[in-house]
C-alpha atoms as a PDB file:
ATOM      1  CA  UNK A   1     174.935  58.960 154.088  1.00  0.00           C
ATOM      2  CA  UNK A   2     173.205  61.483 151.866  1.00  0.00           C
ATOM      3  CA  UNK A   3     169.670  60.422 151.057  1.00  0.00           C
ATOM      4  CA  UNK A   4     168.057  60.788 147.601  1.00  0.00           C
ATOM      5  CA  UNK A   5     165.626  63.386 148.944  1.00  0.00           C
ATOM      6  CA  UNK A   6     168.545  65.550 150.092  1.00  0.00           C
ATOM      7  CA  UNK A   7     170.192  65.255 146.691  1.00  0.00           C
ATOM      8  CA  UNK A   8     166.888  66.266 145.125  1.00  0.00           C
ATOM      9  CA  UNK A   9     166.767  69.313 147.396  1.00  0.00           C
ATOM     10  CA  UNK A  10     170.298  70.268 146.324  1.00  0.00           C
ATOM     11  CA  UNK A  11     169.420  69.936 142.639  1.00  0.00           C
ATOM     12  CA  UNK A  12     166.196  71.888 143.157  1.00  0.00           C
ATOM     13  CA  UNK A  13     168.097  74.607 144.974  1.00  0.00           C
ATOM     14  CA  UNK A  14     170.611  74.899 142.125  1.00  0.00           C
ATOM     15  CA  UNK A  15     167.799  75.053 139.578  1.00  0.00           C
ATOM     16  CA  UNK A  16     165.907  77.752 141.485  1.00  0.00           C
ATOM     17  CA  UNK A  17     169.097  79.744 142.018  1.00  0.00           C
ATOM     18  CA  UNK A  18     169.697  79.755 138.265  1.00  0.00           C
ATOM     19  CA  UNK A  19     166.092  80.723 137.530  1.00  0.00           C
ATOM     20  CA  UNK A  20     166.164  83.597 140.018  1.00  0.00           C
ATOM     21  CA  UNK A  21     169.552  84.803 138.798  1.00  0.00           C
ATOM     22  CA  UNK A  22     168.945  84.777 135.061  1.00  0.00           C
ATOM     23  CA  UNK A  23     165.220  85.504 134.863  1.00  0.00           C
ATOM     24  CA  UNK A  24     164.313  87.453 137.992  1.00  0.00           C
ATOM     25  CA  UNK A  25     167.765  88.929 138.553  1.00  0.00           C
ATOM     26  CA  UNK A  26     168.234  89.740 134.836  1.00  0.00           C
ATOM     27  CA  UNK A  27     171.918  88.825 134.905  1.00  0.00           C
ATOM     28  CA  UNK A  28     172.409  89.210 131.150  1.00  0.00           C
ATOM     29  CA  UNK A  29     170.249  92.333 130.834  1.00  0.00           C
ATOM     30  CA  UNK A  30     172.055  94.125 133.662  1.00  0.00           C
ATOM     31  CA  UNK A  31     175.213  94.369 131.577  1.00  0.00           C
ATOM     32  CA  UNK A  32     177.327  93.848 134.695  1.00  0.00           C
ATOM     33  CA  UNK A  33     179.657  90.908 135.200  1.00  0.00           C
ATOM     34  CA  UNK A  34     178.943  90.075 138.832  1.00  0.00           C
ATOM     35  CA  UNK A  35     176.898  87.629 140.894  1.00  0.00           C
ATOM     36  CA  UNK A  36     175.098  90.177 143.061  1.00  0.00           C
ATOM     37  CA  UNK A  37     171.671  89.132 141.658  1.00  0.00           C
ATOM     38  CA  UNK A  38     172.527  85.497 142.411  1.00  0.00           C
ATOM     39  CA  UNK A  39     173.326  86.074 146.077  1.00  0.00           C
ATOM     40  CA  UNK A  40     170.413  88.476 146.600  1.00  0.00           C
ATOM     41  CA  UNK A  41     167.941  85.580 146.479  1.00  0.00           C
ATOM     42  CA  UNK A  42     169.863  83.270 148.819  1.00  0.00           C
ATOM     43  CA  UNK A  43     168.074  84.290 152.046  1.00  0.00           C
ATOM     44  CA  UNK A  44     164.713  83.540 150.457  1.00  0.00           C
ATOM     45  CA  UNK A  45     165.876  80.270 148.907  1.00  0.00           C
ATOM     46  CA  UNK A  46     167.322  79.148 152.219  1.00  0.00           C
ATOM     47  CA  UNK A  47     164.098  80.075 154.011  1.00  0.00           C
ATOM     48  CA  UNK A  48     162.509  76.907 152.632  1.00  0.00           C
ATOM     49  CA  UNK A  49     165.370  74.705 151.437  1.00  0.00           C
ATOM     50  CA  UNK A  50     167.369  74.722 154.679  1.00  0.00           C
ATOM     51  CA  UNK A  51     164.409  73.803 156.934  1.00  0.00           C
ATOM     52  CA  UNK A  52     163.711  70.943 154.513  1.00  0.00           C
ATOM     53  CA  UNK A  53     167.212  69.662 155.272  1.00  0.00           C
ATOM     54  CA  UNK A  54     167.222  70.366 159.007  1.00  0.00           C
ATOM     55  CA  UNK A  55     163.720  69.105 159.818  1.00  0.00           C
ATOM     56  CA  UNK A  56     164.899  65.495 160.080  1.00  0.00           C
ATOM     57  CA  UNK A  57     168.079  66.104 162.061  1.00  0.00           C
ATOM     58  CA  UNK A  58     166.461  65.232 165.391  1.00  0.00           C
ATOM     59  CA  UNK A  59     162.722  64.762 164.887  1.00  0.00           C
ATOM     60  CA  UNK A  60     163.362  61.520 163.016  1.00  0.00           C
ATOM     61  CA  UNK A  61     165.638  60.286 165.820  1.00  0.00           C
ATOM     62  CA  UNK A  62     162.983  61.053 168.419  1.00  0.00           C
ATOM     63  CA  UNK A  63     160.159  59.486 166.410  1.00  0.00           C
ATOM     64  CA  UNK A  64     162.044  56.237 165.771  1.00  0.00           C
ATOM     65  CA  UNK A  65     163.350  56.056 169.330  1.00  0.00           C
ATOM     66  CA  UNK A  66     166.949  55.857 168.148  1.00  0.00           C
ATOM     67  CA  UNK A  67     167.781  58.914 170.212  1.00  0.00           C
ATOM     68  CA  UNK A  68     167.623  56.717 173.334  1.00  0.00           C
ATOM     69  CA  UNK A  69     170.281  54.485 171.783  1.00  0.00           C
ATOM     70  CA  UNK A  70     172.360  57.531 170.982  1.00  0.00           C
ATOM     71  CA  UNK A  71     172.156  58.669 174.593  1.00  0.00           C
ATOM     72  CA  UNK A  72     173.689  55.371 175.742  1.00  0.00           C
ATOM     73  CA  UNK A  73     176.722  55.721 173.483  1.00  0.00           C
ATOM     74  CA  UNK A  74     180.042  57.053 174.821  1.00  0.00           C
ATOM     75  CA  UNK A  75     179.453  60.305 172.959  1.00  0.00           C
ATOM     76  CA  UNK A  76     178.659  63.620 174.571  1.00  0.00           C
ATOM     77  CA  UNK A  77     175.320  65.094 173.549  1.00  0.00           C
ATOM     78  CA  UNK A  78     177.080  68.295 172.536  1.00  0.00           C
ATOM     79  CA  UNK A  79     179.337  66.286 170.211  1.00  0.00           C
ATOM     80  CA  UNK A  80     176.330  64.606 168.591  1.00  0.00           C
ATOM     81  CA  UNK A  81     174.607  67.962 168.091  1.00  0.00           C
ATOM     82  CA  UNK A  82     177.736  69.493 166.591  1.00  0.00           C
ATOM     83  CA  UNK A  83     178.379  66.436 164.403  1.00  0.00           C
ATOM     84  CA  UNK A  84     174.901  66.422 162.900  1.00  0.00           C
ATOM     85  CA  UNK A  85     175.047  70.163 162.329  1.00  0.00           C
ATOM     86  CA  UNK A  86     178.454  70.020 160.637  1.00  0.00           C
ATOM     87  CA  UNK A  87     177.340  67.151 158.386  1.00  0.00           C
ATOM     88  CA  UNK A  88     174.320  69.167 157.228  1.00  0.00           C
ATOM     89  CA  UNK A  89     176.428  72.320 156.865  1.00  0.00           C
ATOM     90  CA  UNK A  90     179.046  70.557 154.744  1.00  0.00           C
ATOM     91  CA  UNK A  91     176.309  69.076 152.568  1.00  0.00           C
ATOM     92  CA  UNK A  92     174.857  72.566 152.063  1.00  0.00           C
ATOM     93  CA  UNK A  93     178.289  73.978 151.223  1.00  0.00           C
ATOM     94  CA  UNK A  94     178.820  71.234 148.639  1.00  0.00           C
ATOM     95  CA  UNK A  95     175.400  72.008 147.150  1.00  0.00           C
ATOM     96  CA  UNK A  96     176.419  75.670 146.943  1.00  0.00           C
ATOM     97  CA  UNK A  97     179.632  74.605 145.199  1.00  0.00           C
ATOM     98  CA  UNK A  98     177.469  73.201 142.395  1.00  0.00           C
ATOM     99  CA  UNK A  99     176.795  76.818 141.384  1.00  0.00           C
ATOM    100  CA  UNK A 100     180.474  77.283 140.477  1.00  0.00           C
ATOM    101  CA  UNK A 101     179.622  77.359 136.729  1.00  0.00           C
ATOM    102  CA  UNK A 102     177.861  80.688 137.367  1.00  0.00           C
ATOM    103  CA  UNK A 103     181.163  82.121 138.561  1.00  0.00           C
ATOM    104  CA  UNK A 104     182.822  80.882 135.381  1.00  0.00           C
ATOM    105  CA  UNK A 105     179.997  82.414 133.335  1.00  0.00           C
ATOM    106  CA  UNK A 106     180.415  85.934 134.736  1.00  0.00           C
ATOM    107  CA  UNK A 107     184.179  85.714 134.199  1.00  0.00           C
ATOM    108  CA  UNK A 108     183.469  84.790 130.588  1.00  0.00           C
ATOM    109  CA  UNK A 109     181.083  87.743 130.234  1.00  0.00           C
ATOM    110  CA  UNK A 110     183.432  90.309 131.755  1.00  0.00           C
ATOM    111  CA  UNK A 111     185.871  91.088 134.525  1.00  0.00           C
ATOM    112  CA  UNK A 112     184.077  90.716 137.850  1.00  0.00           C
ATOM    113  CA  UNK A 113     185.516  91.414 141.274  1.00  0.00           C
ATOM    114  CA  UNK A 114     186.328  87.805 142.145  1.00  0.00           C
ATOM    115  CA  UNK A 115     187.338  88.776 145.662  1.00  0.00           C
ATOM    116  CA  UNK A 116     183.854  90.166 146.279  1.00  0.00           C
ATOM    117  CA  UNK A 117     182.285  87.038 144.801  1.00  0.00           C
ATOM    118  CA  UNK A 118     184.391  84.793 147.038  1.00  0.00           C
ATOM    119  CA  UNK A 119     183.383  86.891 150.046  1.00  0.00           C
ATOM    120  CA  UNK A 120     179.724  86.580 149.064  1.00  0.00           C
ATOM    121  CA  UNK A 121     180.106  82.797 148.922  1.00  0.00           C
ATOM    122  CA  UNK A 122     181.533  82.912 152.446  1.00  0.00           C
ATOM    123  CA  UNK A 123     178.558  84.999 153.540  1.00  0.00           C
ATOM    124  CA  UNK A 124     176.155  82.544 151.948  1.00  0.00           C
ATOM    125  CA  UNK A 125     177.763  79.625 153.781  1.00  0.00           C
ATOM    126  CA  UNK A 126     177.551  81.507 157.089  1.00  0.00           C
ATOM    127  CA  UNK A 127     173.928  82.380 156.352  1.00  0.00           C
ATOM    128  CA  UNK A 128     173.162  78.722 155.668  1.00  0.00           C
ATOM    129  CA  UNK A 129     174.829  77.825 158.969  1.00  0.00           C
ATOM    130  CA  UNK A 130     172.534  80.215 160.801  1.00  0.00           C
ATOM    131  CA  UNK A 131     169.452  78.739 159.159  1.00  0.00           C
ATOM    132  CA  UNK A 132     170.651  75.203 159.908  1.00  0.00           C
ATOM    133  CA  UNK A 133     171.321  75.940 163.578  1.00  0.00           C
ATOM    134  CA  UNK A 134     167.803  77.331 163.979  1.00  0.00           C
ATOM    135  CA  UNK A 135     166.373  74.361 162.080  1.00  0.00           C
ATOM    136  CA  UNK A 136     168.316  71.941 164.276  1.00  0.00           C
ATOM    137  CA  UNK A 137     166.809  73.506 167.381  1.00  0.00           C
ATOM    138  CA  UNK A 138     163.283  73.364 165.957  1.00  0.00           C
ATOM    139  CA  UNK A 139     163.814  69.719 164.965  1.00  0.00           C
ATOM    140  CA  UNK A 140     164.804  68.889 168.545  1.00  0.00           C
ATOM    141  CA  UNK A 141     161.497  70.246 169.829  1.00  0.00           C
ATOM    142  CA  UNK A 142     159.202  67.800 168.041  1.00  0.00           C
ATOM    143  CA  UNK A 143     158.914  64.258 166.697  1.00  0.00           C
ATOM    144  CA  UNK A 144     157.033  65.482 163.616  1.00  0.00           C
ATOM    145  CA  UNK A 145     159.183  66.521 160.660  1.00  0.00           C
ATOM    146  CA  UNK A 146     156.439  68.681 159.143  1.00  0.00           C
ATOM    147  CA  UNK A 147     156.035  70.577 162.406  1.00  0.00           C
ATOM    148  CA  UNK A 148     159.821  70.962 162.606  1.00  0.00           C
ATOM    149  CA  UNK A 149     159.840  72.358 159.060  1.00  0.00           C
ATOM    150  CA  UNK A 150     157.086  74.881 159.812  1.00  0.00           C
ATOM    151  CA  UNK A 151     158.700  75.992 163.074  1.00  0.00           C
ATOM    152  CA  UNK A 152     162.047  76.483 161.327  1.00  0.00           C
ATOM    153  CA  UNK A 153     160.506  78.483 158.468  1.00  0.00           C
ATOM    154  CA  UNK A 154     158.649  80.749 160.894  1.00  0.00           C
ATOM    155  CA  UNK A 155     161.691  81.275 163.134  1.00  0.00           C
ATOM    156  CA  UNK A 156     164.012  81.974 160.190  1.00  0.00           C
ATOM    157  CA  UNK A 157     161.458  84.308 158.636  1.00  0.00           C
ATOM    158  CA  UNK A 158     161.386  86.337 161.852  1.00  0.00           C
ATOM    159  CA  UNK A 159     165.154  86.751 161.629  1.00  0.00           C
ATOM    160  CA  UNK A 160     164.775  87.927 158.033  1.00  0.00           C
ATOM    161  CA  UNK A 161     161.830  90.174 158.839  1.00  0.00           C
ATOM    162  CA  UNK A 162     163.779  92.087 161.487  1.00  0.00           C
ATOM    163  CA  UNK A 163     165.887  93.720 158.780  1.00  0.00           C
ATOM    164  CA  UNK A 164     163.156  94.168 156.184  1.00  0.00           C
ATOM    165  CA  UNK A 165     162.738  97.846 155.162  1.00  0.00           C
ATOM    166  CA  UNK A 166     158.968  97.814 155.735  1.00  0.00           C
ATOM    167  CA  UNK A 167     159.421  96.549 159.290  1.00  0.00           C
ATOM    168  CA  UNK A 168     162.119  99.095 160.067  1.00  0.00           C
ATOM    169  CA  UNK A 169     159.910 101.866 158.637  1.00  0.00           C
ATOM    170  CA  UNK A 170     157.193 100.893 161.130  1.00  0.00           C
ATOM    171  CA  UNK A 171     159.677 101.235 163.985  1.00  0.00           C
ATOM    172  CA  UNK A 172     160.947 104.571 162.641  1.00  0.00           C
ATOM    173  CA  UNK A 173     157.485 106.076 163.090  1.00  0.00           C
ATOM    174  CA  UNK A 174     157.727 105.834 166.877  1.00  0.00           C
ATOM    175  CA  UNK A 175     160.938 104.188 168.093  1.00  0.00           C
ATOM    176  CA  UNK A 176     164.272 105.870 168.857  1.00  0.00           C
ATOM    177  CA  UNK A 177     167.147 105.183 166.490  1.00  0.00           C
ATOM    178  CA  UNK A 178     169.099 102.958 168.946  1.00  0.00           C
ATOM    179  CA  UNK A 179     166.120 100.581 169.147  1.00  0.00           C
ATOM    180  CA  UNK A 180     165.794 100.522 165.354  1.00  0.00           C
ATOM    181  CA  UNK A 181     169.493  99.726 165.035  1.00  0.00           C
ATOM    182  CA  UNK A 182     169.128  96.958 167.636  1.00  0.00           C
ATOM    183  CA  UNK A 183     166.241  95.369 165.719  1.00  0.00           C
ATOM    184  CA  UNK A 184     168.127  95.599 162.422  1.00  0.00           C
ATOM    185  CA  UNK A 185     171.228  94.059 164.008  1.00  0.00           C
ATOM    186  CA  UNK A 186     169.247  90.886 164.755  1.00  0.00           C
ATOM    187  CA  UNK A 187     168.432  90.319 161.101  1.00  0.00           C
ATOM    188  CA  UNK A 188     170.117  87.923 158.715  1.00  0.00           C
ATOM    189  CA  UNK A 189     169.603  90.483 155.950  1.00  0.00           C
ATOM    190  CA  UNK A 190     171.577  93.244 157.677  1.00  0.00           C
ATOM    191  CA  UNK A 191     174.677  91.104 158.107  1.00  0.00           C
ATOM    192  CA  UNK A 192     174.438  89.088 154.898  1.00  0.00           C
ATOM    193  CA  UNK A 193     173.960  92.138 152.675  1.00  0.00           C
ATOM    194  CA  UNK A 194     177.130  93.654 154.084  1.00  0.00           C
ATOM    195  CA  UNK A 195     179.168  90.533 153.291  1.00  0.00           C
ATOM    196  CA  UNK A 196     177.388  90.163 149.947  1.00  0.00           C
ATOM    197  CA  UNK A 197     178.882  93.486 148.862  1.00  0.00           C
ATOM    198  CA  UNK A 198     182.372  92.103 149.415  1.00  0.00           C
ATOM    199  CA  UNK A 199     182.953  93.697 152.808  1.00  0.00           C
ATOM    200  CA  UNK A 200     184.196  91.373 155.553  1.00  0.00           C
ATOM    201  CA  UNK A 201     183.303  92.937 158.887  1.00  0.00           C
ATOM    202  CA  UNK A 202     184.269  91.017 162.012  1.00  0.00           C
ATOM    203  CA  UNK A 203     180.930  92.007 163.569  1.00  0.00           C
ATOM    204  CA  UNK A 204     179.031  90.212 160.815  1.00  0.00           C
ATOM    205  CA  UNK A 205     181.075  87.035 161.205  1.00  0.00           C
ATOM    206  CA  UNK A 206     180.681  87.185 164.993  1.00  0.00           C
ATOM    207  CA  UNK A 207     176.929  87.584 164.570  1.00  0.00           C
ATOM    208  CA  UNK A 208     176.623  84.354 162.606  1.00  0.00           C
ATOM    209  CA  UNK A 209     179.085  82.505 164.850  1.00  0.00           C
ATOM    210  CA  UNK A 210     177.239  83.535 168.015  1.00  0.00           C
ATOM    211  CA  UNK A 211     173.827  82.785 166.517  1.00  0.00           C
ATOM    212  CA  UNK A 212     174.979  79.308 165.454  1.00  0.00           C
ATOM    213  CA  UNK A 213     176.495  78.645 168.883  1.00  0.00           C
ATOM    214  CA  UNK A 214     173.344  79.852 170.665  1.00  0.00           C
ATOM    215  CA  UNK A 215     170.946  77.658 168.712  1.00  0.00           C
ATOM    216  CA  UNK A 216     173.204  74.608 168.894  1.00  0.00           C
ATOM    217  CA  UNK A 217     173.305  75.074 172.663  1.00  0.00           C
ATOM    218  CA  UNK A 218     169.508  75.418 172.627  1.00  0.00           C
ATOM    219  CA  UNK A 219     169.337  72.187 170.604  1.00  0.00           C
ATOM    220  CA  UNK A 220     171.380  70.310 173.216  1.00  0.00           C
ATOM    221  CA  UNK A 221     169.244  71.695 176.044  1.00  0.00           C
ATOM    222  CA  UNK A 222     166.015  70.765 174.243  1.00  0.00           C
ATOM    223  CA  UNK A 223     167.245  67.214 173.672  1.00  0.00           C
ATOM    224  CA  UNK A 224     168.389  66.881 177.266  1.00  0.00           C
ATOM    225  CA  UNK A 225     164.991  68.011 178.541  1.00  0.00           C
ATOM    226  CA  UNK A 226     163.034  65.765 176.174  1.00  0.00           C
ATOM    227  CA  UNK A 227     165.140  62.608 176.126  1.00  0.00           C
ATOM    228  CA  UNK A 228     162.845  61.028 178.707  1.00  0.00           C
ATOM    229  CA  UNK A 229     159.698  61.671 176.619  1.00  0.00           C
END
């Protein structure tokens, strides 16, 4: 069941998204009927909002001891990990759906490329899935929700930082281009920005799918190793 704090996070996320879009993104002043400014801020919104959702996925179970009860149920650990992740992912997708009035607004203001907007929504959902999978893994490593939150923020920030222009410029001063491309390919920004522009590249979708699968597997391994703690 969705808790009041999670609903508050969803409302806060919608409010911040609107603030960033209209005031920092200058949606009206740009004179363009699109949601590019709206999606541009999603990685940075998710950097804090998603860890706030994921921090209690497993740390709360471990702290209360209910994880031992879960381990005795006729449910595979992998199924429990996937179930919790999907529940959080669906909740995040529903929270994102609350921004639908923005889509209506830009259609009222002009004639946007709705296909590109729909693709950007898909990219945002995949991005949220990546953040959640990392947060799930961090939550499985500790009983403390605050520690889980901090670990998730740091880990997600590293995945953002890998594609940040300033970081890539540092590598360009000494590293060969293949290494720079490899570093950039690890970043959320590199893959999300491509989808955000309305381009669906199978490599971008595979990146998010593989990242989610990797961190969910890491979550299951962490829980298996720590269930006797």
